[in-house]
Amino acid sequence: RGNDVMDGNSRNRVISSINDPDALKCVDFFQRPDGSFGYEEYRRDHEDLRGWFPVGGFSQIMFATLDDAQNGALRHIVWFGKFKDVGFKTGSRSENGCSTPK
């Protein structure tokens, strides 16, 4: 799937992925084929090699702009708002767009 995230029957293009400082949680921001934007929260366990799992249930919320989607994530994902100014680890993209720390 590369930088695409499945959402129902369509493919969304991941625009950015932001990990928490421990790289156990991630938020993907994406654009849908219809031009709207959205986000989803993912988590993973280091011991579980299956990868990232969606946990937020936010992917169906539609936003007109990327800024609106980012503001929505700031309001609804507690850790994201808490750590957004601290500096996040980045890494290579994995299957759903969330990063694997380098």
C-alpha atoms as a PDB file:
ATOM      1  CA  ARG A   1       0.000   0.000   0.000  1.00  0.00           C
ATOM      2  CA  GLY A   2       2.956   2.375   0.316  1.00  0.00           C
ATOM      3  CA  ASN A   3       1.772   5.861   1.254  1.00  0.00           C
ATOM      4  CA  ASP A   4      -1.872   4.986   0.674  1.00  0.00           C
ATOM      5  CA  VAL A   5      -4.281   4.150   3.467  1.00  0.00           C
ATOM      6  CA  MET A   6      -7.391   2.116   2.811  1.00  0.00           C
ATOM      7  CA  ASP A   7     -10.594   3.779   3.977  1.00  0.00           C
ATOM      8  CA  GLY A   8     -13.694   1.862   2.986  1.00  0.00           C
ATOM      9  CA  ASN A   9     -13.442   1.164  -0.739  1.00  0.00           C
ATOM     10  CA  SER A  10     -11.115   4.032  -1.646  1.00  0.00           C
ATOM     11  CA  ARG A  11      -7.438   4.860  -1.257  1.00  0.00           C
ATOM     12  CA  ASN A  12      -6.329   7.885   0.717  1.00  0.00           C
ATOM     13  CA  ARG A  13      -2.941   9.506   0.122  1.00  0.00           C
ATOM     14  CA  VAL A  14      -0.962   9.980   3.348  1.00  0.00           C
ATOM     15  CA  ILE A  15       0.391  13.518   3.526  1.00  0.00           C
ATOM     16  CA  SER A  16       2.239  13.294   6.836  1.00  0.00           C
ATOM     17  CA  SER A  17       2.752  10.944   9.754  1.00  0.00           C
ATOM     18  CA  ILE A  18       3.734  12.079  13.225  1.00  0.00           C
ATOM     19  CA  ASN A  19       4.943   9.717  15.947  1.00  0.00           C
ATOM     20  CA  ASP A  20       4.807  10.319  19.667  1.00  0.00           C
ATOM     21  CA  PRO A  21       8.228  10.571  21.382  1.00  0.00           C
ATOM     22  CA  ASP A  22       8.207   6.826  22.194  1.00  0.00           C
ATOM     23  CA  ALA A  23       7.152   5.860  18.642  1.00  0.00           C
ATOM     24  CA  LEU A  24       4.284   3.773  20.009  1.00  0.00           C
ATOM     25  CA  LYS A  25       1.531   6.064  18.730  1.00  0.00           C
ATOM     26  CA  CYS A  26       1.157   7.852  15.431  1.00  0.00           C
ATOM     27  CA  VAL A  27      -1.212  10.203  13.629  1.00  0.00           C
ATOM     28  CA  ASP A  28      -1.559   9.997   9.846  1.00  0.00           C
ATOM     29  CA  PHE A  29      -2.950  12.972   7.952  1.00  0.00           C
ATOM     30  CA  PHE A  30      -4.345  12.069   4.557  1.00  0.00           C
ATOM     31  CA  GLN A  31      -6.242  13.349   1.549  1.00  0.00           C
ATOM     32  CA  ARG A  32      -9.151  11.410   0.104  1.00  0.00           C
ATOM     33  CA  PRO A  33      -9.784  10.949  -3.632  1.00  0.00           C
ATOM     34  CA  ASP A  34     -12.637  13.507  -3.369  1.00  0.00           C
ATOM     35  CA  GLY A  35     -10.167  16.174  -2.154  1.00  0.00           C
ATOM     36  CA  SER A  36     -11.268  16.204   1.497  1.00  0.00           C
ATOM     37  CA  PHE A  37      -8.795  15.635   4.325  1.00  0.00           C
ATOM     38  CA  GLY A  38      -8.755  13.466   7.418  1.00  0.00           C
ATOM     39  CA  TYR A  39      -6.608  11.851  10.072  1.00  0.00           C
ATOM     40  CA  GLU A  40      -6.346   8.634  12.037  1.00  0.00           C
ATOM     41  CA  GLU A  41      -4.534   7.631  15.205  1.00  0.00           C
ATOM     42  CA  TYR A  42      -2.524   4.387  15.265  1.00  0.00           C
ATOM     43  CA  ARG A  43      -0.655   2.466  17.929  1.00  0.00           C
ATOM     44  CA  ARG A  44       1.812  -0.389  18.014  1.00  0.00           C
ATOM     45  CA  ASP A  45       3.635  -2.518  20.541  1.00  0.00           C
ATOM     46  CA  HIS A  46       7.364  -3.165  20.161  1.00  0.00           C
ATOM     47  CA  GLU A  47       6.763  -6.821  21.033  1.00  0.00           C
ATOM     48  CA  ASP A  48       4.094  -7.235  18.343  1.00  0.00           C
ATOM     49  CA  LEU A  49       5.639  -7.481  14.888  1.00  0.00           C
ATOM     50  CA  ARG A  50       2.313  -7.071  13.073  1.00  0.00           C
ATOM     51  CA  GLY A  51       2.767  -3.289  12.894  1.00  0.00           C
ATOM     52  CA  TRP A  52       0.403  -0.374  13.402  1.00  0.00           C
ATOM     53  CA  PHE A  53      -3.278  -0.656  14.355  1.00  0.00           C
ATOM     54  CA  PRO A  54      -5.919   2.075  13.995  1.00  0.00           C
ATOM     55  CA  VAL A  55      -7.288   3.014  17.413  1.00  0.00           C
ATOM     56  CA  GLY A  56      -8.817   6.455  17.083  1.00  0.00           C
ATOM     57  CA  GLY A  57     -11.869   5.901  14.931  1.00  0.00           C
ATOM     58  CA  PHE A  58     -11.337   9.349  13.371  1.00  0.00           C
ATOM     59  CA  SER A  59     -10.808   8.356   9.727  1.00  0.00           C
ATOM     60  CA  GLN A  60     -14.408   9.013   8.663  1.00  0.00           C
ATOM     61  CA  ILE A  61     -14.416  12.671   9.797  1.00  0.00           C
ATOM     62  CA  MET A  62     -14.099  14.954   6.769  1.00  0.00           C
ATOM     63  CA  PHE A  63     -12.286  18.293   6.674  1.00  0.00           C
ATOM     64  CA  ALA A  64     -12.072  20.876   3.907  1.00  0.00           C
ATOM     65  CA  THR A  65      -8.367  21.610   4.520  1.00  0.00           C
ATOM     66  CA  LEU A  66      -5.301  19.946   5.982  1.00  0.00           C
ATOM     67  CA  ASP A  67      -5.144  22.696   8.626  1.00  0.00           C
ATOM     68  CA  ASP A  68      -8.689  21.826   9.711  1.00  0.00           C
ATOM     69  CA  ALA A  69      -7.731  18.144   9.999  1.00  0.00           C
ATOM     70  CA  GLN A  70      -4.639  19.008  12.059  1.00  0.00           C
ATOM     71  CA  ASN A  71      -6.719  21.195  14.375  1.00  0.00           C
ATOM     72  CA  GLY A  72      -9.208  18.342  14.752  1.00  0.00           C
ATOM     73  CA  ALA A  73      -6.403  16.004  15.780  1.00  0.00           C
ATOM     74  CA  LEU A  74      -5.142  18.558  18.300  1.00  0.00           C
ATOM     75  CA  ARG A  75      -8.614  18.688  19.867  1.00  0.00           C
ATOM     76  CA  HIS A  76      -9.280  14.938  19.931  1.00  0.00           C
ATOM     77  CA  ILE A  77      -5.945  13.153  20.437  1.00  0.00           C
ATOM     78  CA  VAL A  78      -4.627  14.001  23.896  1.00  0.00           C
ATOM     79  CA  TRP A  79      -1.001  12.930  23.424  1.00  0.00           C
ATOM     80  CA  PHE A  80      -0.764  14.736  20.075  1.00  0.00           C
ATOM     81  CA  GLY A  81      -1.685  18.079  21.609  1.00  0.00           C
ATOM     82  CA  LYS A  82       0.622  17.472  24.560  1.00  0.00           C
ATOM     83  CA  PHE A  83       3.725  16.645  22.500  1.00  0.00           C
ATOM     84  CA  LYS A  84       3.189  18.629  19.286  1.00  0.00           C
ATOM     85  CA  ASP A  85       5.792  21.270  20.222  1.00  0.00           C
ATOM     86  CA  VAL A  86       8.351  18.867  21.733  1.00  0.00           C
ATOM     87  CA  GLY A  87       9.680  17.481  18.452  1.00  0.00           C
ATOM     88  CA  PHE A  88       8.708  14.131  17.065  1.00  0.00           C
ATOM     89  CA  LYS A  89      10.720  11.198  15.834  1.00  0.00           C
ATOM     90  CA  THR A  90      10.484  10.625  12.134  1.00  0.00           C
ATOM     91  CA  GLY A  91      11.367   7.557  10.188  1.00  0.00           C
ATOM     92  CA  SER A  92      10.696   5.539   7.098  1.00  0.00           C
ATOM     93  CA  ARG A  93       7.110   4.973   6.067  1.00  0.00           C
ATOM     94  CA  SER A  94       5.484   1.670   6.850  1.00  0.00           C
ATOM     95  CA  GLU A  95       2.429   0.058   5.329  1.00  0.00           C
ATOM     96  CA  ASN A  96      -0.189   2.466   6.649  1.00  0.00           C
ATOM     97  CA  GLY A  97       1.923   5.599   6.596  1.00  0.00           C
ATOM     98  CA  CYS A  98       3.044   5.653  10.245  1.00  0.00           C
ATOM     99  CA  SER A  99       6.780   5.819  10.651  1.00  0.00           C
ATOM    100  CA  THR A 100       9.148   3.194  11.894  1.00  0.00           C
ATOM    101  CA  PRO A 101      11.850   4.930  13.986  1.00  0.00           C
ATOM    102  CA  LYS A 102      15.343   4.913  12.527  1.00  0.00           C
END
